[in-house]
Amino acid sequence: MTRNIKPNAADKIFNPVAKFLTGLGISLAGSRILAVRGRKSGEWRTVPVNPLMYNGERYLVAPRGHTQWVRNMRAARGGELRLGRKVETFEAVEVPDDEKPEILRLYLKKWAWEVGRFFDDVTAESNDERLREIAPGFPVFRLR
């Protein structure tokens, strides 16, 4: 079964607030608004995300799994990161599972306070073997 965690009641309050503030140009610890074209409608779809810098490259991790924005990103192969009026267009390449452990570890170090609950018993201190086990459930995209 493909992992896809739906927003809960708290998320339905936090996500619109995060989108609103980021849309005004107020980043919450580096947050951005991801805009990606819908794979069926072609319309822009937006969601707050937490980009991660690793080895000089930017990544997007999907802590909820194979969500709609992930499916749209796979189809569109790119999108926009927005902060206020600033818009950065990018191309996206999905990262293979065997390259994910260190990216997931760093993501958890930076963002566990917000997204740690989606990783169950996995933390930034988990070993590479455990991170490889969960990698298929956490899509990661390298942005160019």
Protein backbone atom coordinates (compact mmCIF):
# COMPACT_ATOMS: atom_id res chain seq x y z
CA MET A 1 0.00 0.00 0.00
CA THR A 2 1.24 3.49 -0.86
CA ARG A 3 1.77 5.76 2.13
CA ASN A 4 -0.37 8.93 2.02
CA ILE A 5 -1.25 10.67 5.30
CA LYS A 6 -4.21 13.01 5.06
CA PRO A 7 -4.25 16.32 6.98
CA ASN A 8 -5.85 16.21 10.44
CA ALA A 9 -7.85 18.99 12.12
CA ALA A 10 -4.74 20.81 13.38
CA ASP A 11 -3.15 20.64 9.92
CA LYS A 12 -6.28 22.20 8.44
CA ILE A 13 -5.60 25.23 10.64
CA PHE A 14 -1.78 25.33 10.48
CA ASN A 15 -1.37 24.82 6.72
CA PRO A 16 -3.58 27.78 5.67
CA VAL A 17 -1.83 30.00 8.24
CA ALA A 18 1.59 28.89 6.94
CA LYS A 19 0.44 29.48 3.34
CA PHE A 20 -0.91 32.92 4.23
CA LEU A 21 2.24 34.07 6.04
CA THR A 22 4.57 32.65 3.39
CA GLY A 23 2.41 34.29 0.72
CA LEU A 24 3.01 37.60 2.50
CA GLY A 25 6.75 36.95 2.40
CA ILE A 26 7.08 35.76 6.00
CA SER A 27 8.94 32.46 5.91
CA LEU A 28 8.49 30.08 8.83
CA ALA A 29 12.02 28.68 9.33
CA GLY A 30 12.65 28.60 5.58
CA SER A 31 9.19 27.56 4.40
CA ARG A 32 7.99 28.24 0.87
CA ILE A 33 4.79 27.77 -1.07
CA LEU A 34 5.14 25.01 -3.63
CA ALA A 35 3.13 25.65 -6.78
CA VAL A 36 2.80 22.77 -9.21
CA ARG A 37 0.42 22.23 -12.12
CA GLY A 38 -2.32 19.69 -11.52
CA ARG A 39 -1.76 16.57 -13.61
CA LYS A 40 -5.40 16.46 -14.71
CA SER A 41 -6.63 20.06 -14.52
CA GLY A 42 -3.43 21.87 -15.46
CA GLU A 43 -4.32 24.46 -12.79
CA TRP A 44 -1.76 25.64 -10.23
CA ARG A 45 -2.01 23.78 -6.93
CA THR A 46 -0.23 25.15 -3.87
CA VAL A 47 0.96 23.74 -0.56
CA PRO A 48 3.44 24.92 2.09
CA VAL A 49 6.73 23.01 1.99
CA ASN A 50 10.08 22.95 3.78
CA PRO A 51 12.97 22.98 1.27
CA LEU A 52 16.21 21.43 2.45
CA MET A 53 19.76 22.33 1.39
CA TYR A 54 22.15 19.36 1.21
CA ASN A 55 25.55 19.30 -0.50
CA GLY A 56 24.79 22.56 -2.30
CA GLU A 57 21.49 21.35 -3.75
CA ARG A 58 17.87 21.90 -2.73
CA TYR A 59 15.44 19.10 -2.00
CA LEU A 60 11.77 18.71 -1.23
CA VAL A 61 10.77 15.84 1.04
CA ALA A 62 7.16 14.66 1.20
CA PRO A 63 6.68 13.77 4.89
CA ARG A 64 3.08 12.66 4.30
CA GLY A 65 4.10 10.26 1.55
CA HIS A 66 2.68 9.94 -1.96
CA THR A 67 0.32 12.90 -1.73
CA GLN A 68 -1.38 14.86 -4.51
CA TRP A 69 1.48 17.35 -4.76
CA VAL A 70 3.91 14.44 -5.20
CA ARG A 71 1.79 12.92 -7.97
CA ASN A 72 1.50 16.31 -9.65
CA MET A 73 5.26 16.87 -9.35
CA ARG A 74 5.97 13.52 -11.00
CA ALA A 75 3.75 14.51 -13.92
CA ALA A 76 4.88 18.15 -14.23
CA ARG A 77 8.57 17.48 -13.43
CA GLY A 78 8.87 20.93 -11.90
CA GLY A 79 7.06 23.91 -10.51
CA GLU A 80 7.61 27.07 -8.51
CA LEU A 81 8.73 27.93 -5.00
CA ARG A 82 7.11 31.13 -3.78
CA LEU A 83 7.86 33.49 -0.93
CA GLY A 84 5.77 36.64 -1.07
CA ARG A 85 6.25 38.10 -4.56
CA LYS A 86 9.47 36.16 -5.14
CA VAL A 87 8.97 33.20 -7.49
CA GLU A 88 11.65 30.62 -8.29
CA THR A 89 10.95 28.23 -11.15
CA PHE A 90 12.61 24.82 -10.94
CA GLU A 91 12.83 21.41 -12.55
CA ALA A 92 12.49 18.39 -10.26
CA VAL A 93 14.10 14.98 -10.38
CA GLU A 94 12.92 12.27 -8.02
CA VAL A 95 15.68 10.86 -5.84
CA PRO A 96 16.10 7.05 -5.79
CA ASP A 97 15.46 5.33 -2.45
CA ASP A 98 19.11 4.35 -1.94
CA GLU A 99 20.12 8.05 -1.96
CA LYS A 100 17.54 9.13 0.61
CA PRO A 101 18.95 8.14 4.06
CA GLU A 102 21.19 11.17 4.64
CA ILE A 103 18.61 13.54 3.12
CA LEU A 104 15.90 12.17 5.42
CA ARG A 105 18.25 12.39 8.41
CA LEU A 106 19.04 16.06 7.72
CA TYR A 107 15.37 16.80 7.05
CA LEU A 108 14.47 15.36 10.44
CA LYS A 109 17.25 17.34 12.15
CA LYS A 110 15.84 20.55 10.75
CA TRP A 111 12.10 19.91 10.61
CA ALA A 112 11.24 17.19 13.17
CA TRP A 113 9.54 19.81 15.38
CA GLU A 114 6.94 20.17 12.61
CA VAL A 115 6.86 16.86 10.70
CA GLY A 116 8.37 14.32 13.08
CA ARG A 117 4.97 12.79 13.80
CA PHE A 118 4.80 11.51 10.20
CA PHE A 119 7.96 9.44 10.70
CA ASP A 120 6.62 7.28 13.56
CA ASP A 121 9.62 5.84 15.44
CA VAL A 122 12.25 7.18 13.01
CA THR A 123 14.42 10.11 14.12
CA ALA A 124 17.51 11.92 12.89
CA GLU A 125 19.51 9.50 15.05
CA SER A 126 18.11 6.39 13.32
CA ASN A 127 20.67 4.26 11.51
CA ASP A 128 21.01 4.13 7.72
CA GLU A 129 19.37 0.70 7.57
CA ARG A 130 16.19 1.99 9.23
CA LEU A 131 16.16 5.08 7.00
CA ARG A 132 16.51 2.83 3.91
CA GLU A 133 13.56 0.75 5.15
CA ILE A 134 11.24 3.76 5.26
CA ALA A 135 12.63 5.50 2.14
CA PRO A 136 9.98 4.18 -0.29
CA GLY A 137 7.26 5.90 1.76
CA PHE A 138 8.91 9.34 1.63
CA PRO A 139 9.27 10.78 -1.89
CA VAL A 140 12.21 13.20 -2.28
CA PHE A 141 12.83 15.57 -5.20
CA ARG A 142 16.09 17.29 -6.15
CA LEU A 143 15.40 20.80 -7.47
CA ARG A 144 17.35 22.30 -10.35
